[in-house]
Amino acid sequence: MTSQNKKIIFLTIIGLILYKLVKAKSMSAKFNKFKADEQAKLMMLENSLIKAGLKLPVLNFALAQLLLETGRFTRKSAVATLNNNFTGIKYLNKPYQIAEKGSEAPASETKGLPVNSPLRYYAKFKDADGWAKDYVRILSFGAKPINATTIEDYNKRLKQNNYYGSSPETYGKLLKNFLDMFE
C-alpha cells in the first residue's frame, strides 16, 4: 500500500468520525428540552425508526407518540421496559410479527376478548429495532398514518385506525405538546 493510499484511508476514517460526531450532536440538540436519560432513549429510538424506514415529518410524530405512550419513559413505561415495546403493540401470534408473547395487558384493554386471545398480551420484541419494524408496519395500515403531513392529520389517521380509545382532542393535544418540545 502506497503512502498516498494510507493518507486517503486515514482522511476517510477521520471524515467518518467527524460526520458521526456532528450527526450525534445535531440529533441531541433536537431533544435538548429533555433530561439526559430521555435524550439517550429518544436518540436510540429515532435511530431504530430511521432504520425501519420512517422519514420526516412522520418520524417526529412517531417520537411524540412514543413519549405520550410511555409517559416520557417513566410512569407508563413498564411495557417498554419489560417488552421493548414503546407504543403498546399487542401480540398477534403471526409470523410477520417478529415478537413473542410479552406481559399481560390490563383488563381495560382486553375487555370483550376471548380468554385465549393473544391480544390479551403485549408483543415482546428482541430489541428496539424489532419494535420499530412492527410499528412502521402498523403505521402503514388502514388510514395510513405513515402518510400524514401534519400532527393533526397523524392523530386523525391513528383514531381512524382505532389505535387509541381516548378522545381525539385529548390525544391530539398531548401529541402536539410533545412534538412542540422538539427543536
N, C-alpha and C. Protein backbone atom coordinates (compact mmCIF):
# COMPACT_ATOMS: atom_id res chain seq x y z
N MET A 1 0.85 -1.17 0.00
CA MET A 1 0.00 0.00 0.00
C MET A 1 0.90 1.24 0.00
N THR A 2 0.58 2.15 -0.89
CA THR A 2 1.39 3.36 -1.00
C THR A 2 1.04 4.34 0.11
N SER A 3 1.93 5.30 0.31
CA SER A 3 1.67 6.30 1.35
C SER A 3 0.46 7.17 0.97
N GLN A 4 0.25 7.36 -0.32
CA GLN A 4 -0.91 8.12 -0.79
C GLN A 4 -2.21 7.39 -0.40
N ASN A 5 -2.25 6.07 -0.59
CA ASN A 5 -3.43 5.28 -0.22
C ASN A 5 -3.66 5.32 1.28
N LYS A 6 -2.58 5.26 2.05
CA LYS A 6 -2.70 5.33 3.51
C LYS A 6 -3.30 6.66 3.94
N LYS A 7 -2.87 7.75 3.28
CA LYS A 7 -3.40 9.08 3.60
C LYS A 7 -4.90 9.15 3.28
N ILE A 8 -5.29 8.59 2.15
CA ILE A 8 -6.70 8.60 1.75
C ILE A 8 -7.54 7.82 2.76
N ILE A 9 -7.06 6.65 3.16
CA ILE A 9 -7.79 5.85 4.15
C ILE A 9 -7.87 6.60 5.47
N PHE A 10 -6.76 7.19 5.91
CA PHE A 10 -6.74 7.93 7.17
C PHE A 10 -7.73 9.09 7.13
N LEU A 11 -7.71 9.87 6.05
CA LEU A 11 -8.62 11.02 5.93
C LEU A 11 -10.08 10.57 5.85
N THR A 12 -10.34 9.45 5.20
CA THR A 12 -11.69 8.91 5.13
C THR A 12 -12.19 8.54 6.51
N ILE A 13 -11.37 7.89 7.29
CA ILE A 13 -11.75 7.49 8.65
C ILE A 13 -12.01 8.72 9.51
N ILE A 14 -11.13 9.71 9.43
CA ILE A 14 -11.32 10.95 10.20
C ILE A 14 -12.63 11.63 9.77
N GLY A 15 -12.90 11.65 8.46
CA GLY A 15 -14.14 12.25 7.96
C GLY A 15 -15.37 11.54 8.51
N LEU A 16 -15.33 10.21 8.53
CA LEU A 16 -16.47 9.44 9.06
C LEU A 16 -16.67 9.71 10.55
N ILE A 17 -15.59 9.79 11.29
CA ILE A 17 -15.69 10.08 12.73
C ILE A 17 -16.30 11.46 12.94
N LEU A 18 -15.82 12.45 12.21
CA LEU A 18 -16.36 13.80 12.34
C LEU A 18 -17.83 13.86 11.95
N TYR A 19 -18.19 13.16 10.89
CA TYR A 19 -19.59 13.11 10.46
C TYR A 19 -20.47 12.54 11.56
N LYS A 20 -20.05 11.43 12.18
CA LYS A 20 -20.83 10.82 13.25
C LYS A 20 -20.95 11.75 14.45
N LEU A 21 -19.89 12.46 14.78
CA LEU A 21 -19.94 13.40 15.91
C LEU A 21 -20.91 14.55 15.63
N VAL A 22 -20.86 15.11 14.44
CA VAL A 22 -21.77 16.21 14.07
C VAL A 22 -23.20 15.72 14.05
N LYS A 23 -23.42 14.54 13.49
CA LYS A 23 -24.77 13.98 13.42
C LYS A 23 -25.31 13.73 14.83
N ALA A 24 -24.51 13.15 15.72
CA ALA A 24 -24.94 12.88 17.09
C ALA A 24 -25.26 14.18 17.81
N LYS A 25 -24.43 15.22 17.60
CA LYS A 25 -24.67 16.49 18.25
C LYS A 25 -25.97 17.12 17.75
N SER A 26 -26.21 17.06 16.44
CA SER A 26 -27.43 17.66 15.89
C SER A 26 -28.67 16.91 16.35
N MET A 27 -28.56 15.58 16.48
CA MET A 27 -29.71 14.81 16.95
C MET A 27 -30.01 15.15 18.40
N SER A 28 -28.98 15.24 19.25
CA SER A 28 -29.24 15.52 20.65
C SER A 28 -29.77 16.94 20.84
N ALA A 29 -29.37 17.88 19.98
CA ALA A 29 -29.88 19.25 20.07
C ALA A 29 -31.39 19.28 19.86
N LYS A 30 -31.87 18.40 19.01
CA LYS A 30 -33.30 18.31 18.75
C LYS A 30 -34.07 17.98 20.04
N PHE A 31 -33.42 17.29 20.94
CA PHE A 31 -34.06 16.82 22.16
C PHE A 31 -33.55 17.54 23.42
N ASN A 32 -33.02 18.75 23.27
CA ASN A 32 -32.38 19.37 24.43
C ASN A 32 -33.34 19.84 25.52
N LYS A 33 -34.65 19.75 25.29
CA LYS A 33 -35.62 20.09 26.34
C LYS A 33 -35.92 18.88 27.24
N PHE A 34 -35.23 17.78 26.99
CA PHE A 34 -35.45 16.56 27.76
C PHE A 34 -34.24 16.26 28.64
N LYS A 35 -34.47 15.48 29.69
CA LYS A 35 -33.39 15.05 30.57
C LYS A 35 -32.44 14.14 29.78
N ALA A 36 -31.23 14.00 30.28
CA ALA A 36 -30.19 13.24 29.59
C ALA A 36 -30.63 11.81 29.29
N ASP A 37 -31.26 11.12 30.25
CA ASP A 37 -31.69 9.74 30.01
C ASP A 37 -32.80 9.68 28.95
N GLU A 38 -33.69 10.69 28.94
CA GLU A 38 -34.73 10.75 27.92
C GLU A 38 -34.11 11.01 26.54
N GLN A 39 -33.13 11.90 26.50
CA GLN A 39 -32.44 12.20 25.23
C GLN A 39 -31.80 10.94 24.66
N ALA A 40 -31.15 10.17 25.52
CA ALA A 40 -30.48 8.94 25.06
C ALA A 40 -31.50 7.97 24.47
N LYS A 41 -32.63 7.80 25.16
CA LYS A 41 -33.67 6.89 24.65
C LYS A 41 -34.26 7.41 23.34
N LEU A 42 -34.52 8.71 23.29
CA LEU A 42 -35.09 9.29 22.07
C LEU A 42 -34.14 9.11 20.88
N MET A 43 -32.85 9.34 21.10
CA MET A 43 -31.88 9.17 20.01
C MET A 43 -31.81 7.71 19.56
N MET A 44 -31.83 6.79 20.52
CA MET A 44 -31.79 5.37 20.19
C MET A 44 -33.03 4.96 19.40
N LEU A 45 -34.19 5.41 19.85
CA LEU A 45 -35.44 5.06 19.17
C LEU A 45 -35.57 5.77 17.82
N GLU A 46 -35.09 6.99 17.74
CA GLU A 46 -35.08 7.70 16.45
C GLU A 46 -34.24 6.91 15.45
N ASN A 47 -33.09 6.44 15.87
CA ASN A 47 -32.22 5.65 15.00
C ASN A 47 -32.92 4.36 14.55
N SER A 48 -33.60 3.68 15.48
CA SER A 48 -34.33 2.46 15.12
C SER A 48 -35.45 2.74 14.12
N LEU A 49 -36.17 3.84 14.32
CA LEU A 49 -37.26 4.20 13.40
C LEU A 49 -36.73 4.58 12.03
N ILE A 50 -35.58 5.25 11.99
CA ILE A 50 -34.97 5.60 10.70
C ILE A 50 -34.55 4.32 9.98
N LYS A 51 -33.93 3.39 10.70
CA LYS A 51 -33.52 2.12 10.10
C LYS A 51 -34.72 1.35 9.56
N ALA A 52 -35.87 1.50 10.23
CA ALA A 52 -37.10 0.81 9.80
C ALA A 52 -37.78 1.53 8.64
N GLY A 53 -37.25 2.68 8.23
CA GLY A 53 -37.76 3.36 7.04
C GLY A 53 -38.62 4.59 7.29
N LEU A 54 -38.78 5.00 8.54
CA LEU A 54 -39.61 6.17 8.83
C LEU A 54 -38.85 7.45 8.48
N LYS A 55 -39.56 8.37 7.85
CA LYS A 55 -38.96 9.63 7.41
C LYS A 55 -39.74 10.80 8.00
N LEU A 56 -39.11 11.99 7.96
CA LEU A 56 -39.79 13.20 8.40
C LEU A 56 -40.97 13.47 7.49
N PRO A 57 -42.03 14.06 7.96
CA PRO A 57 -42.28 14.52 9.31
C PRO A 57 -42.82 13.43 10.23
N VAL A 58 -43.20 12.28 9.67
CA VAL A 58 -43.83 11.22 10.48
C VAL A 58 -42.88 10.71 11.56
N LEU A 59 -41.58 10.75 11.29
CA LEU A 59 -40.61 10.35 12.31
C LEU A 59 -40.83 11.15 13.59
N ASN A 60 -40.98 12.46 13.46
CA ASN A 60 -41.20 13.30 14.65
C ASN A 60 -42.56 13.04 15.28
N PHE A 61 -43.58 12.79 14.45
CA PHE A 61 -44.90 12.47 15.00
C PHE A 61 -44.83 11.18 15.82
N ALA A 62 -44.11 10.20 15.30
CA ALA A 62 -43.97 8.91 15.98
C ALA A 62 -43.21 9.08 17.30
N LEU A 63 -42.17 9.90 17.30
CA LEU A 63 -41.42 10.14 18.54
C LEU A 63 -42.30 10.83 19.58
N ALA A 64 -43.13 11.77 19.14
CA ALA A 64 -44.07 12.41 20.06
C ALA A 64 -45.04 11.38 20.62
N GLN A 65 -45.50 10.48 19.76
CA GLN A 65 -46.43 9.45 20.21
C GLN A 65 -45.80 8.51 21.23
N LEU A 66 -44.56 8.10 21.01
CA LEU A 66 -43.97 7.18 21.98
C LEU A 66 -43.68 7.87 23.30
N LEU A 67 -43.42 9.18 23.27
CA LEU A 67 -43.29 9.92 24.53
C LEU A 67 -44.62 9.91 25.29
N LEU A 68 -45.71 10.09 24.56
CA LEU A 68 -47.05 10.04 25.16
C LEU A 68 -47.34 8.64 25.70
N GLU A 69 -47.10 7.63 24.88
CA GLU A 69 -47.44 6.25 25.25
C GLU A 69 -46.63 5.76 26.46
N THR A 70 -45.40 6.25 26.62
CA THR A 70 -44.56 5.78 27.73
C THR A 70 -44.55 6.73 28.91
N GLY A 71 -45.28 7.85 28.80
CA GLY A 71 -45.23 8.83 29.88
C GLY A 71 -43.82 9.39 30.04
N ARG A 72 -43.18 9.69 28.91
CA ARG A 72 -41.79 10.17 28.88
C ARG A 72 -40.84 9.16 29.53
N PHE A 73 -41.10 7.91 29.26
CA PHE A 73 -40.26 6.80 29.75
C PHE A 73 -40.30 6.66 31.27
N THR A 74 -41.41 7.05 31.89
CA THR A 74 -41.49 6.97 33.34
C THR A 74 -42.68 6.14 33.77
N ARG A 75 -43.73 6.78 34.21
CA ARG A 75 -44.85 6.12 34.88
C ARG A 75 -45.52 5.03 34.06
N LYS A 76 -45.55 5.14 32.75
CA LYS A 76 -46.24 4.16 31.92
C LYS A 76 -45.28 3.24 31.17
N SER A 77 -44.02 3.29 31.53
CA SER A 77 -43.04 2.62 30.68
C SER A 77 -42.79 1.16 31.02
N ALA A 78 -43.59 0.54 31.86
CA ALA A 78 -43.38 -0.88 32.17
C ALA A 78 -43.46 -1.73 30.90
N VAL A 79 -44.37 -1.42 30.02
CA VAL A 79 -44.49 -2.17 28.76
C VAL A 79 -43.22 -1.99 27.93
N ALA A 80 -42.70 -0.77 27.89
CA ALA A 80 -41.46 -0.51 27.15
C ALA A 80 -40.30 -1.24 27.80
N THR A 81 -40.19 -1.16 29.11
CA THR A 81 -39.08 -1.78 29.83
C THR A 81 -39.12 -3.30 29.76
N LEU A 82 -40.29 -3.87 29.97
CA LEU A 82 -40.41 -5.33 30.01
C LEU A 82 -40.40 -5.97 28.62
N ASN A 83 -40.86 -5.22 27.62
CA ASN A 83 -41.13 -5.84 26.31
C ASN A 83 -40.43 -5.17 25.13
N ASN A 84 -39.57 -4.16 25.36
CA ASN A 84 -39.01 -3.38 24.24
C ASN A 84 -40.13 -2.94 23.31
N ASN A 85 -41.24 -2.50 23.89
CA ASN A 85 -42.44 -2.16 23.15
C ASN A 85 -42.86 -0.76 23.59
N PHE A 86 -42.57 0.24 22.77
CA PHE A 86 -42.70 1.62 23.16
C PHE A 86 -44.04 2.27 22.79
N THR A 87 -44.92 1.49 22.15
CA THR A 87 -46.22 2.03 21.77
C THR A 87 -47.36 1.08 22.09
N GLY A 88 -47.14 0.11 22.93
CA GLY A 88 -48.22 -0.78 23.37
C GLY A 88 -48.76 -1.71 22.31
N ILE A 89 -47.91 -2.14 21.39
CA ILE A 89 -48.34 -3.05 20.33
C ILE A 89 -48.74 -4.39 20.95
N LYS A 90 -49.90 -4.90 20.54
CA LYS A 90 -50.38 -6.18 21.06
C LYS A 90 -49.73 -7.35 20.31
N TYR A 91 -49.65 -8.46 21.01
CA TYR A 91 -49.10 -9.69 20.44
C TYR A 91 -50.15 -10.30 19.50
N LEU A 92 -49.72 -10.70 18.31
CA LEU A 92 -50.64 -11.26 17.31
C LEU A 92 -50.47 -12.75 17.10
N ASN A 93 -49.32 -13.28 17.47
CA ASN A 93 -49.00 -14.69 17.21
C ASN A 93 -49.08 -15.00 15.71
N LYS A 94 -48.50 -14.10 14.91
CA LYS A 94 -48.45 -14.24 13.45
C LYS A 94 -46.99 -14.20 13.01
N PRO A 95 -46.63 -14.94 11.96
CA PRO A 95 -45.23 -14.99 11.54
C PRO A 95 -44.65 -13.64 11.12
N TYR A 96 -45.47 -12.71 10.62
CA TYR A 96 -44.95 -11.41 10.19
C TYR A 96 -44.63 -10.49 11.36
N GLN A 97 -45.10 -10.82 12.55
CA GLN A 97 -44.76 -10.02 13.73
C GLN A 97 -43.64 -10.77 14.46
N ILE A 98 -42.43 -10.27 14.33
CA ILE A 98 -41.28 -10.93 14.93
C ILE A 98 -41.23 -10.55 16.42
N ALA A 99 -42.04 -11.24 17.18
CA ALA A 99 -42.16 -10.95 18.61
C ALA A 99 -42.65 -12.21 19.30
N GLU A 100 -42.54 -12.21 20.61
CA GLU A 100 -43.12 -13.29 21.40
C GLU A 100 -44.14 -12.68 22.36
N LYS A 101 -44.87 -13.55 23.03
CA LYS A 101 -45.88 -13.08 23.97
C LYS A 101 -45.19 -12.42 25.15
N GLY A 102 -45.58 -11.17 25.41
CA GLY A 102 -44.98 -10.41 26.49
C GLY A 102 -45.89 -10.34 27.70
N SER A 103 -45.80 -9.24 28.41
CA SER A 103 -46.60 -9.08 29.62
C SER A 103 -48.08 -8.92 29.29
N GLU A 104 -48.91 -9.25 30.26
CA GLU A 104 -50.36 -9.20 30.07
C GLU A 104 -50.84 -7.75 30.06
N ALA A 105 -51.75 -7.46 29.15
CA ALA A 105 -52.35 -6.13 29.05
C ALA A 105 -53.38 -5.97 30.17
N PRO A 106 -53.62 -4.74 30.60
CA PRO A 106 -54.63 -4.53 31.66
C PRO A 106 -56.04 -4.85 31.16
N ALA A 107 -56.92 -5.14 32.09
CA ALA A 107 -58.31 -5.50 31.76
C ALA A 107 -58.99 -4.43 30.92
N SER A 108 -58.64 -3.16 31.13
CA SER A 108 -59.26 -2.07 30.35
C SER A 108 -58.96 -2.18 28.86
N GLU A 109 -57.88 -2.88 28.50
CA GLU A 109 -57.51 -3.03 27.09
C GLU A 109 -57.93 -4.38 26.51
N THR A 110 -58.45 -5.26 27.34
CA THR A 110 -58.79 -6.62 26.87
C THR A 110 -60.26 -6.95 27.02
N LYS A 111 -61.04 -5.97 27.42
CA LYS A 111 -62.47 -6.18 27.63
C LYS A 111 -63.12 -6.75 26.37
N GLY A 112 -63.85 -7.83 26.54
CA GLY A 112 -64.56 -8.45 25.44
C GLY A 112 -63.75 -9.44 24.61
N LEU A 113 -62.47 -9.58 24.90
CA LEU A 113 -61.64 -10.54 24.16
C LEU A 113 -61.79 -11.93 24.75
N PRO A 114 -61.75 -12.95 23.91
CA PRO A 114 -61.80 -14.32 24.44
C PRO A 114 -60.59 -14.58 25.36
N VAL A 115 -60.78 -15.46 26.31
CA VAL A 115 -59.74 -15.76 27.30
C VAL A 115 -58.44 -16.21 26.64
N ASN A 116 -58.53 -16.93 25.53
CA ASN A 116 -57.33 -17.46 24.87
C ASN A 116 -56.78 -16.55 23.76
N SER A 117 -57.27 -15.32 23.66
CA SER A 117 -56.82 -14.41 22.61
C SER A 117 -55.39 -13.94 22.87
N PRO A 118 -54.52 -13.99 21.84
CA PRO A 118 -53.16 -13.46 22.02
C PRO A 118 -53.17 -11.95 22.25
N LEU A 119 -54.26 -11.27 21.85
CA LEU A 119 -54.35 -9.82 22.03
C LEU A 119 -54.46 -9.40 23.49
N ARG A 120 -54.52 -10.36 24.38
CA ARG A 120 -54.54 -10.06 25.82
C ARG A 120 -53.13 -9.74 26.32
N TYR A 121 -52.15 -9.85 25.41
CA TYR A 121 -50.75 -9.66 25.79
C TYR A 121 -50.10 -8.63 24.87
N TYR A 122 -49.10 -7.97 25.40
CA TYR A 122 -48.28 -7.09 24.58
C TYR A 122 -47.27 -7.92 23.82
N ALA A 123 -46.86 -7.43 22.67
CA ALA A 123 -45.78 -8.07 21.93
C ALA A 123 -44.46 -7.76 22.64
N LYS A 124 -43.62 -8.76 22.75
CA LYS A 124 -42.30 -8.58 23.35
C LYS A 124 -41.27 -8.70 22.23
N PHE A 125 -40.54 -7.61 22.00
CA PHE A 125 -39.57 -7.56 20.92
C PHE A 125 -38.16 -7.79 21.46
N LYS A 126 -37.33 -8.38 20.61
CA LYS A 126 -35.93 -8.66 20.99
C LYS A 126 -35.19 -7.37 21.31
N ASP A 127 -35.48 -6.32 20.54
CA ASP A 127 -34.80 -5.04 20.72
C ASP A 127 -35.65 -3.92 20.11
N ALA A 128 -35.14 -2.70 20.23
CA ALA A 128 -35.88 -1.54 19.71
C ALA A 128 -36.02 -1.60 18.19
N ASP A 129 -35.06 -2.18 17.50
CA ASP A 129 -35.16 -2.30 16.04
C ASP A 129 -36.33 -3.20 15.65
N GLY A 130 -36.54 -4.28 16.38
CA GLY A 130 -37.68 -5.17 16.12
C GLY A 130 -39.00 -4.46 16.36
N TRP A 131 -39.06 -3.69 17.44
CA TRP A 131 -40.27 -2.90 17.72
C TRP A 131 -40.52 -1.92 16.58
N ALA A 132 -39.47 -1.20 16.16
CA ALA A 132 -39.62 -0.17 15.14
C ALA A 132 -40.16 -0.75 13.83
N LYS A 133 -39.68 -1.92 13.43
CA LYS A 133 -40.16 -2.55 12.20
C LYS A 133 -41.65 -2.84 12.29
N ASP A 134 -42.09 -3.37 13.44
CA ASP A 134 -43.51 -3.69 13.58
C ASP A 134 -44.34 -2.41 13.68
N TYR A 135 -43.83 -1.41 14.33
CA TYR A 135 -44.53 -0.13 14.46
C TYR A 135 -44.73 0.51 13.09
N VAL A 136 -43.70 0.49 12.25
CA VAL A 136 -43.81 1.04 10.90
C VAL A 136 -44.83 0.22 10.10
N ARG A 137 -44.87 -1.09 10.29
CA ARG A 137 -45.87 -1.94 9.64
C ARG A 137 -47.28 -1.48 10.03
N ILE A 138 -47.48 -1.21 11.31
CA ILE A 138 -48.79 -0.79 11.81
C ILE A 138 -49.17 0.59 11.26
N LEU A 139 -48.20 1.49 11.17
CA LEU A 139 -48.47 2.83 10.64
C LEU A 139 -48.81 2.80 9.15
N SER A 140 -48.57 1.68 8.49
CA SER A 140 -48.83 1.55 7.05
C SER A 140 -50.21 0.97 6.75
N PHE A 141 -51.00 0.64 7.77
CA PHE A 141 -52.33 0.04 7.59
C PHE A 141 -53.44 1.08 7.52
N GLY A 142 -54.59 0.63 7.02
CA GLY A 142 -55.84 1.39 7.09
C GLY A 142 -55.72 2.82 6.57
N ALA A 143 -55.91 3.78 7.48
CA ALA A 143 -55.85 5.20 7.13
C ALA A 143 -54.41 5.66 6.90
N LYS A 144 -53.46 4.79 7.06
CA LYS A 144 -52.03 5.02 6.79
C LYS A 144 -51.47 6.27 7.48
N PRO A 145 -51.36 6.23 8.80
CA PRO A 145 -50.71 7.35 9.49
C PRO A 145 -49.31 7.66 8.95
N ILE A 146 -48.68 6.68 8.34
CA ILE A 146 -47.33 6.88 7.79
C ILE A 146 -47.32 7.93 6.68
N ASN A 147 -48.48 8.23 6.11
CA ASN A 147 -48.58 9.24 5.04
C ASN A 147 -49.03 10.60 5.55
N ALA A 148 -49.16 10.78 6.85
CA ALA A 148 -49.64 12.06 7.41
C ALA A 148 -48.63 13.17 7.14
N THR A 149 -49.15 14.38 6.98
CA THR A 149 -48.28 15.52 6.72
C THR A 149 -48.26 16.53 7.87
N THR A 150 -49.23 16.41 8.78
CA THR A 150 -49.27 17.27 9.96
C THR A 150 -49.57 16.39 11.18
N ILE A 151 -49.31 16.92 12.36
CA ILE A 151 -49.59 16.16 13.58
C ILE A 151 -51.10 15.95 13.73
N GLU A 152 -51.90 16.90 13.27
CA GLU A 152 -53.36 16.75 13.33
C GLU A 152 -53.82 15.62 12.41
N ASP A 153 -53.24 15.57 11.22
CA ASP A 153 -53.55 14.51 10.27
C ASP A 153 -53.12 13.14 10.82
N TYR A 154 -51.94 13.11 11.43
CA TYR A 154 -51.43 11.87 12.04
C TYR A 154 -52.40 11.37 13.11
N ASN A 155 -52.82 12.29 13.98
CA ASN A 155 -53.75 11.95 15.05
C ASN A 155 -55.07 11.43 14.49
N LYS A 156 -55.59 12.11 13.47
CA LYS A 156 -56.85 11.70 12.84
C LYS A 156 -56.73 10.29 12.27
N ARG A 157 -55.64 10.02 11.60
CA ARG A 157 -55.43 8.70 10.99
C ARG A 157 -55.27 7.61 12.06
N LEU A 158 -54.57 7.93 13.15
CA LEU A 158 -54.45 6.96 14.26
C LEU A 158 -55.84 6.62 14.80
N LYS A 159 -56.67 7.64 15.00
CA LYS A 159 -58.02 7.43 15.52
C LYS A 159 -58.86 6.62 14.54
N GLN A 160 -58.75 6.91 13.24
CA GLN A 160 -59.49 6.14 12.23
C GLN A 160 -59.09 4.66 12.27
N ASN A 161 -57.86 4.40 12.63
CA ASN A 161 -57.38 3.01 12.73
C ASN A 161 -57.68 2.41 14.11
N ASN A 162 -58.44 3.12 14.94
CA ASN A 162 -58.76 2.66 16.30
C ASN A 162 -57.51 2.36 17.12
N TYR A 163 -56.48 3.16 16.91
CA TYR A 163 -55.22 2.94 17.62
C TYR A 163 -55.34 3.25 19.11
N TYR A 164 -56.17 4.19 19.45
CA TYR A 164 -56.34 4.56 20.86
C TYR A 164 -57.82 4.76 21.16
N GLY A 165 -58.17 4.73 22.45
CA GLY A 165 -59.56 4.81 22.85
C GLY A 165 -59.99 6.15 23.40
N SER A 166 -59.05 7.02 23.74
CA SER A 166 -59.43 8.30 24.32
C SER A 166 -59.96 9.24 23.24
N SER A 167 -60.38 10.42 23.64
CA SER A 167 -60.93 11.37 22.67
C SER A 167 -59.80 11.88 21.76
N PRO A 168 -60.11 12.11 20.49
CA PRO A 168 -59.07 12.59 19.58
C PRO A 168 -58.56 13.99 19.97
N GLU A 169 -59.42 14.79 20.59
CA GLU A 169 -58.98 16.12 21.02
C GLU A 169 -57.91 16.02 22.09
N THR A 170 -58.15 15.16 23.09
CA THR A 170 -57.19 14.99 24.18
C THR A 170 -55.89 14.39 23.68
N TYR A 171 -55.99 13.29 22.94
CA TYR A 171 -54.80 12.61 22.44
C TYR A 171 -54.02 13.54 21.51
N GLY A 172 -54.72 14.24 20.64
CA GLY A 172 -54.08 15.16 19.70
C GLY A 172 -53.36 16.29 20.40
N LYS A 173 -53.97 16.84 21.44
CA LYS A 173 -53.33 17.93 22.19
C LYS A 173 -52.04 17.45 22.84
N LEU A 174 -52.08 16.25 23.42
CA LEU A 174 -50.88 15.69 24.06
C LEU A 174 -49.79 15.41 23.02
N LEU A 175 -50.17 14.87 21.87
CA LEU A 175 -49.19 14.64 20.80
C LEU A 175 -48.52 15.95 20.40
N LYS A 176 -49.33 16.98 20.19
CA LYS A 176 -48.79 18.28 19.78
C LYS A 176 -47.88 18.86 20.84
N ASN A 177 -48.24 18.73 22.11
CA ASN A 177 -47.39 19.23 23.19
C ASN A 177 -46.01 18.59 23.15
N PHE A 178 -45.96 17.27 22.94
CA PHE A 178 -44.66 16.59 22.86
C PHE A 178 -43.91 16.99 21.59
N LEU A 179 -44.61 17.10 20.48
CA LEU A 179 -43.96 17.50 19.23
C LEU A 179 -43.34 18.88 19.38
N ASP A 180 -44.04 19.79 20.06
CA ASP A 180 -43.54 21.16 20.25
C ASP A 180 -42.28 21.21 21.11
N MET A 181 -41.98 20.14 21.83
CA MET A 181 -40.77 20.12 22.65
C MET A 181 -39.51 19.85 21.84
N PHE A 182 -39.67 19.37 20.60
CA PHE A 182 -38.51 19.13 19.73
C PHE A 182 -38.06 20.47 19.15
N GLU A 183 -36.75 20.63 19.03
CA GLU A 183 -36.23 21.90 18.48
C GLU A 183 -35.81 21.71 17.06
